[in-house]
Protein backbone atom coordinates (compact mmCIF):
# COMPACT_ATOMS: atom_id res chain seq x y z
CA MET A 1 77.26 136.67 -47.29
CA GLY A 2 80.07 137.30 -44.82
CA ASN A 3 79.95 139.51 -41.75
CA LYS A 4 83.45 140.98 -41.53
CA CYS A 5 84.24 144.54 -42.60
CA ILE A 6 87.82 145.43 -43.50
CA GLY A 7 89.70 148.73 -43.43
CA LEU A 8 93.10 148.97 -45.10
CA ASP A 9 95.83 151.58 -45.09
CA ILE A 10 98.11 150.41 -47.89
CA GLY A 11 101.39 152.28 -47.86
CA ASN A 12 104.55 151.90 -49.88
CA SER A 13 106.26 150.09 -47.02
CA LYS A 14 103.56 149.00 -44.55
CA ILE A 15 100.00 147.68 -44.54
CA LYS A 16 97.66 148.37 -41.60
CA VAL A 17 94.41 146.44 -41.22
CA PHE A 18 91.36 146.68 -38.98
CA ILE A 19 88.77 143.88 -39.04
CA TYR A 20 85.28 144.29 -37.54
CA ASP A 21 82.90 141.35 -37.10
CA CYS A 22 79.33 142.67 -37.36
CA GLU A 23 77.89 139.63 -35.53
CA SER A 24 80.28 139.21 -32.60
CA ARG A 25 81.02 142.96 -32.54
CA GLN A 26 84.68 142.20 -32.05
CA ILE A 27 87.39 144.26 -33.64
CA LYS A 28 91.08 143.53 -34.15
CA TRP A 29 94.01 145.00 -35.99
CA CYS A 30 97.33 143.94 -37.44
CA THR A 31 100.18 145.32 -39.55
CA CYS A 32 102.98 144.06 -41.73
CA ASN A 33 105.97 145.56 -43.50
CA ILE A 34 106.41 145.31 -47.27
CA ASP A 35 109.84 144.31 -48.57
CA HIS A 36 111.83 147.16 -50.03
CA THR A 37 114.84 147.33 -52.30
CA GLY A 38 116.63 150.22 -50.65
CA PHE A 39 116.39 152.96 -48.02
CA THR A 40 113.88 154.98 -50.00
CA LYS A 41 112.93 152.63 -52.84
CA TYR A 42 109.93 150.42 -52.33
CA ASP A 43 108.64 148.06 -55.00
CA ARG A 44 104.99 147.26 -54.52
CA SER A 45 104.25 146.80 -58.19
CA SER A 46 104.55 143.03 -58.51
CA ASN A 47 103.81 140.95 -55.42
CA PHE A 48 102.39 143.04 -52.58
CA GLU A 49 99.03 141.24 -52.89
CA ARG A 50 100.55 138.29 -51.06
CA TYR A 51 100.97 140.45 -47.98
CA ILE A 52 97.27 141.36 -47.94
CA ARG A 53 96.28 137.75 -48.65
CA ASN A 54 98.47 136.47 -45.84
CA LEU A 55 97.09 139.05 -43.41
CA LEU A 56 93.53 138.01 -44.26
CA ILE A 57 94.32 134.29 -43.98
CA ASP A 58 96.15 134.73 -40.67
CA ASN A 59 93.35 136.77 -39.10
CA ILE A 60 90.20 135.41 -40.77
CA GLY A 61 91.12 132.01 -42.17
CA VAL A 62 91.68 130.29 -45.51
CA GLY A 63 88.06 130.89 -46.49
CA TYR A 64 88.34 134.66 -45.97
CA GLN A 65 86.61 135.43 -49.29
CA LYS A 66 83.29 134.08 -47.99
CA LYS A 67 83.58 135.87 -44.66
CA ILE A 68 84.24 139.45 -45.80
CA CYS A 69 81.25 141.61 -46.68
CA SER A 70 82.83 145.04 -47.27
CA LEU A 71 86.31 146.52 -47.70
CA VAL A 72 87.52 150.11 -47.93
CA ALA A 73 91.13 151.08 -48.59
CA GLY A 74 93.15 154.26 -48.50
CA ILE A 75 96.37 154.00 -50.48
CA SER A 76 99.80 155.53 -50.81
CA SER A 77 101.49 154.00 -53.79
CA GLY A 78 103.38 156.78 -55.52
CA TYR A 79 106.92 155.48 -55.10
CA SER A 80 106.28 151.84 -55.96
CA TYR A 81 105.28 152.47 -59.59
CA GLN A 82 106.40 154.45 -62.60
CA THR A 83 103.35 156.71 -62.24
CA PHE A 84 100.89 157.43 -59.45
CA SER A 85 98.00 156.45 -61.73
CA GLU A 86 99.54 153.06 -62.40
CA GLY A 87 99.71 152.49 -58.65
CA VAL A 88 96.02 153.30 -58.16
CA LYS A 89 94.93 151.01 -60.98
CA HIS A 90 97.12 148.12 -59.87
CA THR A 91 96.02 148.39 -56.25
CA ALA A 92 92.36 148.43 -57.26
CA SER A 93 92.81 145.38 -59.49
CA VAL A 94 94.59 143.46 -56.71
CA LEU A 95 91.82 144.14 -54.20
CA LYS A 96 89.14 143.13 -56.69
CA ALA A 97 91.01 139.92 -57.54
CA LEU A 98 91.42 139.02 -53.87
CA LEU A 99 87.69 139.54 -53.19
CA PRO A 100 85.90 139.13 -56.53
CA LYS A 101 82.40 138.75 -55.02
CA THR A 102 82.74 141.44 -52.36
CA ASN A 103 82.19 145.18 -52.63
CA THR A 104 85.67 146.68 -52.38
CA TYR A 105 86.22 150.43 -52.48
CA LEU A 106 88.96 153.06 -52.63
CA PHE A 107 88.69 156.32 -50.73
CA THR A 108 88.68 159.64 -52.59
CA GLN A 109 90.07 162.87 -51.15
CA ASP A 110 86.72 164.00 -49.67
CA THR A 111 85.98 160.67 -47.86
CA SER A 112 83.59 159.37 -50.48
CA VAL A 113 84.38 155.98 -52.04
CA VAL A 114 84.45 154.38 -55.49
CA LEU A 115 84.15 150.68 -56.29
CA THR A 116 87.47 149.15 -57.33
CA SER A 117 85.76 147.66 -60.39
CA ARG A 118 85.31 151.20 -61.77
CA ILE A 119 88.90 152.37 -61.34
CA SER A 120 90.36 150.92 -64.54
CA SER A 121 87.96 152.95 -66.70
CA LEU A 122 88.85 156.32 -65.14
CA SER A 123 91.09 158.90 -66.82
CA ASP A 124 94.48 159.83 -65.37
CA ASP A 125 93.04 163.20 -64.35
CA SER A 126 90.23 161.50 -62.44
CA LEU A 127 92.69 159.16 -60.75
CA GLN A 128 94.27 162.12 -58.93
CA ASN A 129 91.33 161.84 -56.57
CA PHE A 130 92.91 158.61 -55.25
CA PHE A 131 96.54 159.72 -54.87
CA PHE A 132 97.85 159.43 -51.30
CA THR A 133 94.47 158.74 -49.73
CA ASN A 134 95.84 156.54 -46.96
CA SER A 135 94.98 159.22 -44.36
CA VAL A 136 91.44 159.79 -45.63
CA GLY A 137 90.15 157.17 -43.19
CA THR A 138 91.28 159.56 -40.48
CA ALA A 139 89.24 162.38 -42.03
CA HIS A 140 86.16 160.13 -42.11
CA LEU A 141 86.69 159.22 -38.45
CA ALA A 142 87.11 162.89 -37.53
CA LYS A 143 83.68 163.62 -38.98
CA ARG A 144 82.20 161.03 -36.61
CA LEU A 145 84.19 162.16 -33.56
CA THR A 146 83.32 165.85 -33.84
CA PRO A 147 79.92 167.53 -33.35
CA PRO A 148 77.68 168.21 -36.38
CA PHE A 149 78.80 171.26 -38.37
CA PHE A 150 82.23 171.22 -36.70
CA SER A 151 84.82 173.41 -38.41
CA GLY A 152 88.55 172.97 -37.90
CA LEU A 153 91.68 171.19 -39.08
CA VAL A 154 92.20 167.43 -38.99
CA LEU A 155 95.82 166.27 -38.68
CA ASP A 156 97.18 162.75 -39.01
CA MET A 157 100.92 162.35 -38.41
CA GLY A 158 102.60 159.12 -39.40
CA GLY A 159 106.16 157.98 -39.75
CA SER A 160 106.79 159.85 -43.03
CA THR A 161 104.13 162.50 -43.54
CA THR A 162 101.50 164.63 -41.88
CA ALA A 163 98.16 164.86 -43.65
CA VAL A 164 96.02 167.95 -43.05
CA PHE A 165 92.33 168.24 -43.91
CA GLN A 166 89.93 171.16 -43.74
CA LEU A 167 86.72 170.08 -42.02
CA ILE A 168 84.14 172.81 -42.58
CA ASN A 169 80.60 172.49 -41.25
CA GLY A 170 81.09 168.76 -40.93
CA LYS A 171 82.38 168.22 -44.47
CA ILE A 172 85.90 167.55 -45.75
CA ILE A 173 86.84 170.21 -48.31
CA PRO A 174 89.26 169.07 -51.07
CA PRO A 175 92.19 171.38 -51.87
CA ASP A 176 90.75 172.21 -55.29
CA SER A 177 87.37 171.90 -57.00
CA LYS A 178 89.08 170.44 -60.09
CA VAL A 179 90.05 166.81 -59.57
CA SER A 180 92.90 167.20 -62.08
CA GLN A 181 94.53 169.74 -59.72
CA THR A 182 93.92 167.82 -56.49
CA HIS A 183 97.37 166.44 -55.74
CA TYR A 184 99.26 169.49 -57.00
CA LYS A 185 97.15 171.84 -54.87
CA ARG A 186 97.35 169.52 -51.89
CA ILE A 187 101.13 169.76 -51.87
CA GLN A 188 101.10 173.51 -52.45
CA SER A 189 98.52 174.27 -49.75
CA GLY A 190 100.08 172.47 -46.81
CA ARG A 191 97.68 169.52 -46.87
CA LEU A 192 100.41 166.89 -47.31
CA ILE A 193 103.54 167.69 -45.30
CA TRP A 194 106.66 165.57 -45.56
CA ILE A 195 107.46 165.63 -41.87
CA GLY A 196 106.86 162.55 -39.74
CA THR A 197 108.03 160.89 -36.56
CA GLN A 198 110.45 158.47 -38.23
CA THR A 199 111.72 158.93 -41.81
CA THR A 200 112.27 162.70 -42.05
CA PRO A 201 116.00 163.20 -42.83
CA LEU A 202 117.72 165.39 -40.26
CA GLU A 203 119.49 167.39 -42.97
CA TYR A 204 116.04 168.46 -44.21
CA LEU A 205 115.40 170.16 -40.87
CA LEU A 206 118.66 172.02 -40.15
CA LYS A 207 121.90 172.96 -41.86
CA GLU A 208 123.80 173.26 -38.59
CA VAL A 209 123.45 172.78 -34.83
CA ARG A 210 125.08 174.63 -31.95
CA ILE A 211 126.62 173.13 -28.84
CA LYS A 212 129.21 174.49 -26.39
CA GLY A 213 129.25 177.77 -28.31
CA ASN A 214 130.31 176.04 -31.55
CA LYS A 215 128.54 175.31 -34.84
CA PHE A 216 128.47 171.84 -36.38
CA HIS A 217 127.28 171.28 -39.95
CA VAL A 218 124.53 168.72 -40.48
CA ILE A 219 125.81 166.19 -42.99
CA PRO A 220 123.49 164.21 -45.33
CA ARG A 221 124.23 160.80 -43.86
CA GLY A 222 120.71 159.36 -44.07
CA VAL A 223 120.04 159.78 -40.34
CA THR A 224 116.31 160.16 -39.71
CA PHE A 225 113.99 161.74 -37.16
CA GLN A 226 113.45 158.34 -35.57
CA SER A 227 116.66 158.95 -33.60
CA ILE A 228 115.20 162.22 -32.27
CA SER A 229 111.90 160.54 -31.38
CA THR A 230 113.79 157.85 -29.50
CA LEU A 231 116.23 160.07 -27.59
CA LEU A 232 113.57 162.60 -26.57
CA GLU A 233 110.92 159.94 -25.88
CA LEU A 234 108.39 161.53 -28.21
CA LEU A 235 106.52 158.30 -28.93
CA SER A 236 104.68 155.56 -27.07
CA THR A 237 107.36 152.86 -27.32
CA GLU A 238 105.25 149.68 -27.50
CA LEU A 239 102.88 150.76 -30.25
CA SER A 240 105.57 152.71 -32.09
CA ASN A 241 107.76 149.62 -32.29
CA GLN A 242 104.93 147.74 -33.98
CA LEU A 243 104.35 150.56 -36.47
CA SER A 244 107.97 151.47 -37.14
CA LEU A 245 109.04 151.43 -40.77
CA PHE A 246 112.54 150.30 -39.72
CA GLY A 247 111.74 147.72 -37.06
CA ALA A 248 112.18 148.43 -33.34
CA LEU A 249 113.05 152.00 -32.41
CA GLY A 250 116.31 150.99 -30.77
CA SER A 251 117.97 152.32 -27.63
CA LYS A 252 118.89 155.87 -26.68
CA LYS A 253 122.51 154.83 -27.10
CA ASP A 254 121.75 153.87 -30.72
CA ALA A 255 119.98 157.20 -31.21
CA ILE A 256 122.97 159.18 -29.92
CA ARG A 257 125.26 157.20 -32.21
CA ALA A 258 123.09 158.09 -35.19
CA ILE A 259 122.86 161.78 -34.30
CA ALA A 260 126.63 161.86 -33.85
CA ASP A 261 127.00 160.55 -37.41
CA THR A 262 124.94 163.41 -38.78
CA ILE A 263 127.35 166.02 -37.41
CA ASP A 264 130.48 163.90 -37.96
CA MET A 265 131.26 163.58 -34.26
CA ASP A 266 132.05 160.63 -32.02
CA SER A 267 129.22 159.76 -29.66
CA THR A 268 131.57 160.10 -26.65
CA PHE A 269 132.47 163.72 -27.40
CA PHE A 270 129.39 165.11 -25.61
CA SER A 271 127.36 164.17 -22.56
CA THR A 272 123.90 162.63 -22.81
CA LYS A 273 122.42 165.99 -21.80
CA GLU A 274 124.33 167.73 -24.58
CA TRP A 275 123.16 165.16 -27.16
CA GLN A 276 119.61 165.77 -25.93
CA ASP A 277 120.16 169.52 -26.45
CA ILE A 278 121.25 168.80 -30.04
CA ALA A 279 118.24 166.53 -30.57
CA ASN A 280 115.97 169.26 -29.24
CA GLN A 281 117.23 171.64 -31.93
CA PHE A 282 116.00 169.20 -34.60
CA TYR A 283 112.75 168.77 -32.68
CA VAL A 284 112.10 172.52 -32.58
CA ALA A 285 112.97 172.81 -36.28
CA ALA A 286 110.43 170.09 -37.13
CA ILE A 287 107.73 171.94 -35.20
CA ASP A 288 108.63 175.22 -36.94
CA LEU A 289 108.46 173.67 -40.42
CA LEU A 290 105.17 171.97 -39.58
CA SER A 291 103.69 175.25 -38.44
CA VAL A 292 104.72 176.98 -41.68
CA GLU A 293 102.86 174.36 -43.73
CA ILE A 294 99.83 174.32 -41.41
CA ARG A 295 99.50 178.08 -41.88
CA LYS A 296 99.11 177.40 -45.61
CA ALA A 297 96.32 174.90 -44.86
CA LYS A 298 94.59 177.52 -42.69
CA LYS A 299 94.79 180.23 -45.35
CA GLY A 300 91.31 181.46 -46.29
CA PHE A 301 89.75 179.34 -43.56
CA SER A 302 88.34 182.00 -41.23
CA LYS A 303 86.60 179.48 -38.97
CA CYS A 304 89.80 177.59 -38.26
CA LYS A 305 90.00 177.97 -34.49
CA GLN A 306 89.96 174.27 -33.62
CA ALA A 307 91.79 171.09 -34.58
CA ILE A 308 91.66 167.37 -33.92
CA VAL A 309 94.90 165.43 -34.00
CA PHE A 310 95.60 161.76 -34.76
CA GLY A 311 98.69 159.64 -35.27
CA LEU A 312 102.04 158.92 -33.68
CA GLY A 313 103.16 162.52 -33.16
CA GLY A 314 99.84 164.12 -32.34
CA GLU A 315 100.67 165.49 -28.91
CA THR A 316 104.41 165.99 -29.22
CA LEU A 317 104.70 167.53 -32.71
CA CYS A 318 101.30 168.51 -34.13
CA MET A 319 99.94 170.19 -31.02
CA PRO A 320 102.86 172.64 -30.55
CA ALA A 321 102.91 173.31 -34.30
CA LEU A 322 99.20 174.15 -34.26
CA MET A 323 99.69 176.42 -31.26
CA LYS A 324 102.36 178.35 -33.20
CA THR A 325 99.72 179.08 -35.84
CA GLY A 326 97.42 180.66 -33.26
CA ILE A 327 95.10 177.81 -32.32
CA LYS A 328 94.68 177.68 -28.55
CA LYS A 329 95.74 174.54 -26.69
CA GLU A 330 92.26 174.03 -25.24
CA ASN A 331 90.86 173.95 -28.79
CA ILE A 332 93.17 171.15 -29.94
CA HIS A 333 91.51 167.77 -29.42
CA ILE A 334 93.78 164.74 -29.02
CA ALA A 335 92.06 161.74 -30.58
CA LYS A 336 93.61 159.13 -28.27
CA LEU A 337 91.83 160.81 -25.34
CA LEU A 338 88.50 160.27 -27.11
CA ILE A 339 88.96 156.72 -28.44
CA SER A 340 91.44 153.90 -27.86
CA GLU A 341 95.10 154.59 -28.57
CA GLU A 342 95.18 151.95 -31.32
CA MET A 343 92.19 153.50 -33.09
CA ALA A 344 93.67 156.99 -32.77
CA ILE A 345 97.21 156.10 -33.83
CA MET A 346 96.10 153.83 -36.71
CA SER A 347 93.12 156.02 -37.51
CA SER A 348 93.66 155.69 -41.26
CA ALA A 349 92.93 151.94 -41.20
CA TYR A 350 90.34 152.13 -38.43
CA GLY A 351 88.50 154.94 -40.22
CA ALA A 352 88.48 152.84 -43.40
CA CYS A 353 87.04 149.91 -41.42
CA HIS A 354 84.42 152.21 -39.92
CA LYS A 355 83.45 153.42 -43.42
CA ALA A 356 83.27 149.82 -44.70
CA THR A 357 80.93 148.94 -41.84
CA GLU A 358 78.68 151.91 -42.53
CA LEU A 359 78.49 150.93 -46.20
CA PHE A 360 77.56 147.36 -45.32
CA LEU A 361 74.98 148.26 -42.65
CA LYS A 362 73.76 151.24 -44.71
CA ARG A 363 73.61 153.64 -41.78
CA ARG A 364 75.70 156.21 -39.94
CA LEU A 365 77.49 154.74 -36.94
CA PRO A 366 79.01 156.22 -33.76
CA PRO A 367 82.79 156.64 -33.88
CA VAL A 368 83.57 153.58 -31.76
CA LEU A 369 82.33 150.36 -33.29
CA SER A 370 80.72 148.46 -30.42
CA HIS A 371 82.54 145.44 -29.11
CA ASN A 372 82.19 142.85 -26.37
């Protein structure tokens, strides 16, 4: 039997992996982008298994199948298949085929897991429990980072979305008791918010901006929030470049050029300070929209006076949005101050790796897997 535990966050456009060696107690991580056929169209339905295989070979070796003892994956596959259910089934079958003699699991919405070998026999209603679970590893990690019986919100902001979980008395509470309503209720209750640090279209945030006493309409030109993150320095550049869905973040000059496109202006028409003022209007709008959705996630949650925040935009976007909902700054815990930045930013994959290790060792573990 092998000694390496694997955690995967399998997105439509990127795969994140954490690998923990139970003998050497060493941990490492890696990522790769998945080819896509257009700005918003990803096709993961036919050959994405080669990306996972190559990641395992590059980081473990050709004989990876004999070295892996446990694997847990959270997945986001909705836009690579005709139906969400098809994506869950195909992903499960790929993981089982890659590791036929290893226990491989998919996360459910409440941080429990199901063997991939069981997925094909489940009904479409039951499969809702596996839709967009790529942030569930974060929820599992939050349970280990917080005290027993902790109650509060868990937020994980990525490049495209912000996932919100209710953690009540140490347990993750799904958005609905009926599995068949899970994804629908998750969207309606502010648990899956389509605001992120990179791909959010600027025209989604504002219809117009103001500068020099004039209004400028925001035009749907496909310019994304990545330009705002870059110009306002909202992200840690080195790690963000590695996790970017579009490659390197680019320069501030590139960001100004992009923002100029979205209001149909030449980049030389305003000063850098004025372009930063325009960018700040989009930034404030993103925080406002986040706070509206977070309020929905807090509804009916009387104990919600705390939060723990993970991901790329934890401090710069999630924290101010949470404060607008009434949660005090001192009650918002920033994960990267509690664990390493890599673990906190890629918490979805690290949390999955942590869960895989607990399953293999058959015991609860501290949040940081020990390493030399």
